[in-house]
Protein backbone atom coordinates (compact mmCIF):
# COMPACT_ATOMS: atom_id res chain seq x y z
CA UNK A 1 -99.53 15.09 51.68
CA UNK A 2 -96.26 12.99 52.07
CA UNK A 3 -93.00 14.72 51.13
CA UNK A 4 -90.72 12.91 48.60
CA UNK A 5 -87.49 12.19 50.02
CA UNK A 6 -84.46 14.13 48.79
CA UNK A 7 -82.37 10.81 47.84
CA UNK A 8 -83.97 7.66 46.76
CA UNK A 9 -82.22 4.96 48.70
CA UNK A 10 -82.95 1.12 49.24
CA UNK A 11 -80.99 -1.38 51.38
CA UNK A 12 -81.12 -5.32 51.80
CA UNK A 13 -79.30 -7.73 53.32
CA UNK A 14 -79.18 -11.56 52.62
CA UNK A 15 -77.11 -14.59 53.36
CA UNK A 16 -74.84 -15.25 50.43
CA UNK A 17 -72.84 -18.26 50.12
CA UNK A 18 -73.05 -18.55 54.04
CA UNK A 19 -71.88 -14.85 54.38
CA UNK A 20 -74.26 -11.99 55.62
CA UNK A 21 -74.14 -9.67 52.72
CA UNK A 22 -75.45 -5.99 53.14
CA UNK A 23 -76.45 -3.85 50.16
CA UNK A 24 -77.41 -0.19 50.00
CA UNK A 25 -78.09 1.62 46.84
CA UNK A 26 -78.45 5.37 46.69
CA UNK A 27 -79.42 7.45 43.65
CA UNK A 28 -78.04 11.11 43.22
CA UNK A 29 -78.81 13.46 40.50
CA UNK A 30 -75.73 12.63 38.50
CA UNK A 31 -74.46 9.20 39.92
CA UNK A 32 -75.59 5.98 41.74
CA UNK A 33 -73.80 4.88 44.72
CA UNK A 34 -73.96 1.12 45.63
CA UNK A 35 -72.27 -0.25 48.91
CA UNK A 36 -71.77 -3.98 49.00
CA UNK A 37 -70.28 -5.55 52.10
CA UNK A 38 -69.70 -8.70 53.90
CA UNK A 39 -67.49 -7.02 56.60
CA UNK A 40 -69.75 -4.27 57.79
CA UNK A 41 -67.20 -1.75 56.21
CA UNK A 42 -67.34 0.06 52.91
CA UNK A 43 -63.96 -1.49 51.51
CA UNK A 44 -62.53 -0.56 48.19
CA UNK A 45 -64.34 2.36 46.41
CA UNK A 46 -64.52 1.80 42.75
CA UNK A 47 -65.92 4.14 40.13
CA UNK A 48 -67.72 2.53 37.19
CA UNK A 49 -68.14 5.10 34.31
CA UNK A 50 -69.72 4.49 31.03
CA UNK A 51 -67.92 5.71 27.88
CA UNK A 52 -70.55 6.40 25.02
CA UNK A 53 -68.48 5.37 21.70
CA UNK A 54 -69.17 7.47 18.82
CA UNK A 55 -70.02 4.69 16.35
CA UNK A 56 -72.27 2.78 18.67
CA UNK A 57 -74.79 5.29 19.66
CA UNK A 58 -76.55 4.27 22.94
CA UNK A 59 -74.13 1.71 23.79
CA UNK A 60 -71.54 2.26 26.29
CA UNK A 61 -68.35 0.48 27.34
CA UNK A 62 -67.23 0.72 31.16
CA UNK A 63 -64.25 2.03 32.38
CA UNK A 64 -63.37 1.46 36.11
CA UNK A 65 -61.09 3.16 38.34
CA UNK A 66 -59.98 2.52 42.05
CA UNK A 67 -60.49 5.50 44.10
CA UNK A 68 -59.76 4.29 47.27
CA UNK A 69 -58.28 0.94 48.17
CA UNK A 70 -55.84 -1.91 46.70
CA UNK A 71 -56.33 -3.19 43.15
CA UNK A 72 -55.88 -6.88 43.46
CA UNK A 73 -54.21 -8.73 40.75
CA UNK A 74 -55.83 -11.83 39.63
CA UNK A 75 -52.87 -14.49 39.69
CA UNK A 76 -53.01 -18.25 39.22
CA UNK A 77 -51.04 -20.72 41.46
CA UNK A 78 -47.49 -21.37 40.34
CA UNK A 79 -46.06 -24.86 40.06
CA UNK A 80 -45.86 -27.75 37.54
CA UNK A 81 -48.18 -27.02 34.64
CA UNK A 82 -49.47 -23.72 36.13
CA UNK A 83 -48.86 -20.26 35.09
CA UNK A 84 -49.10 -16.76 36.45
CA UNK A 85 -51.58 -14.48 34.94
CA UNK A 86 -49.76 -11.03 35.15
CA UNK A 87 -51.76 -9.57 32.12
CA UNK A 88 -55.20 -10.68 33.76
CA UNK A 89 -57.30 -7.59 34.71
CA UNK A 90 -57.37 -6.86 38.48
CA UNK A 91 -60.26 -8.86 40.29
CA UNK A 92 -61.65 -5.73 41.72
CA UNK A 93 -62.43 -4.35 38.40
CA UNK A 94 -63.90 -7.67 37.03
CA UNK A 95 -66.12 -7.73 40.11
CA UNK A 96 -67.28 -4.17 39.92
CA UNK A 97 -68.26 -4.47 36.12
CA UNK A 98 -70.07 -7.71 36.78
CA UNK A 99 -71.93 -6.32 39.75
CA UNK A 100 -73.01 -2.89 38.46
CA UNK A 101 -73.18 -2.85 34.82
CA UNK A 102 -76.84 -3.25 34.73
CA UNK A 103 -77.23 -0.46 37.57
CA UNK A 104 -75.62 2.15 35.01
CA UNK A 105 -77.42 0.91 32.10
CA UNK A 106 -80.73 1.18 33.85
CA UNK A 107 -80.11 4.55 35.36
CA UNK A 108 -79.63 5.84 31.76
CA UNK A 109 -75.88 5.19 31.75
CA UNK A 110 -75.02 7.11 34.70
CA UNK A 111 -71.63 6.34 36.59
CA UNK A 112 -71.77 4.32 39.52
CA UNK A 113 -69.57 4.47 42.83
CA UNK A 114 -69.14 1.31 44.20
CA UNK A 115 -68.03 0.33 47.69
CA UNK A 116 -66.99 -3.09 47.68
CA UNK A 117 -65.94 -5.35 50.56
CA UNK A 118 -66.42 -9.09 49.81
CA UNK A 119 -65.26 -12.25 51.62
CA UNK A 120 -66.65 -14.49 49.01
CA UNK A 121 -65.47 -13.77 45.47
CA UNK A 122 -66.52 -16.91 43.69
CA UNK A 123 -68.37 -16.65 40.55
CA UNK A 124 -71.54 -18.18 42.37
CA UNK A 125 -71.14 -15.61 45.08
CA UNK A 126 -70.80 -12.63 42.66
CA UNK A 127 -73.96 -13.87 40.73
CA UNK A 128 -75.85 -13.98 44.00
CA UNK A 129 -74.52 -10.74 45.21
CA UNK A 130 -75.75 -9.01 41.74
CA UNK A 131 -79.49 -10.24 42.44
CA UNK A 132 -79.21 -8.52 45.84
CA UNK A 133 -78.30 -5.39 44.21
CA UNK A 134 -80.96 -5.77 41.56
CA UNK A 135 -83.47 -6.12 44.62
CA UNK A 136 -82.41 -2.59 45.70
CA UNK A 137 -83.28 -0.82 42.54
CA UNK A 138 -83.30 2.86 42.89
CA UNK A 139 -83.83 4.42 39.35
């Protein structure tokens, strides 16, 4: 009889927008770890935590917090007809929510620790990376 592994972990690698992308997902008792890298390094660590609202039972909003690394502010180029978006949410938070919202939901609203090191942060790239994460489902 085969013993069940202590941790459920899956990994995948795929070329996304011409860049080798590696993903590792590991399920712990109280959270999920997702590592996404196009550099071979862990990168910025972002905690994505659901906050269940009292008036919306079963629905959760997500709060993000950078634990290690730099928050990147999304800024538009300056110049004639251009504006700076100083009030836009930092790009790392937007990417984190877009990449792992479904992971938290499918795991029963568990927190997700995301290690993120991306070269390609385009919308198409993020969508493709999300599908690679989906292929590593651990819960």
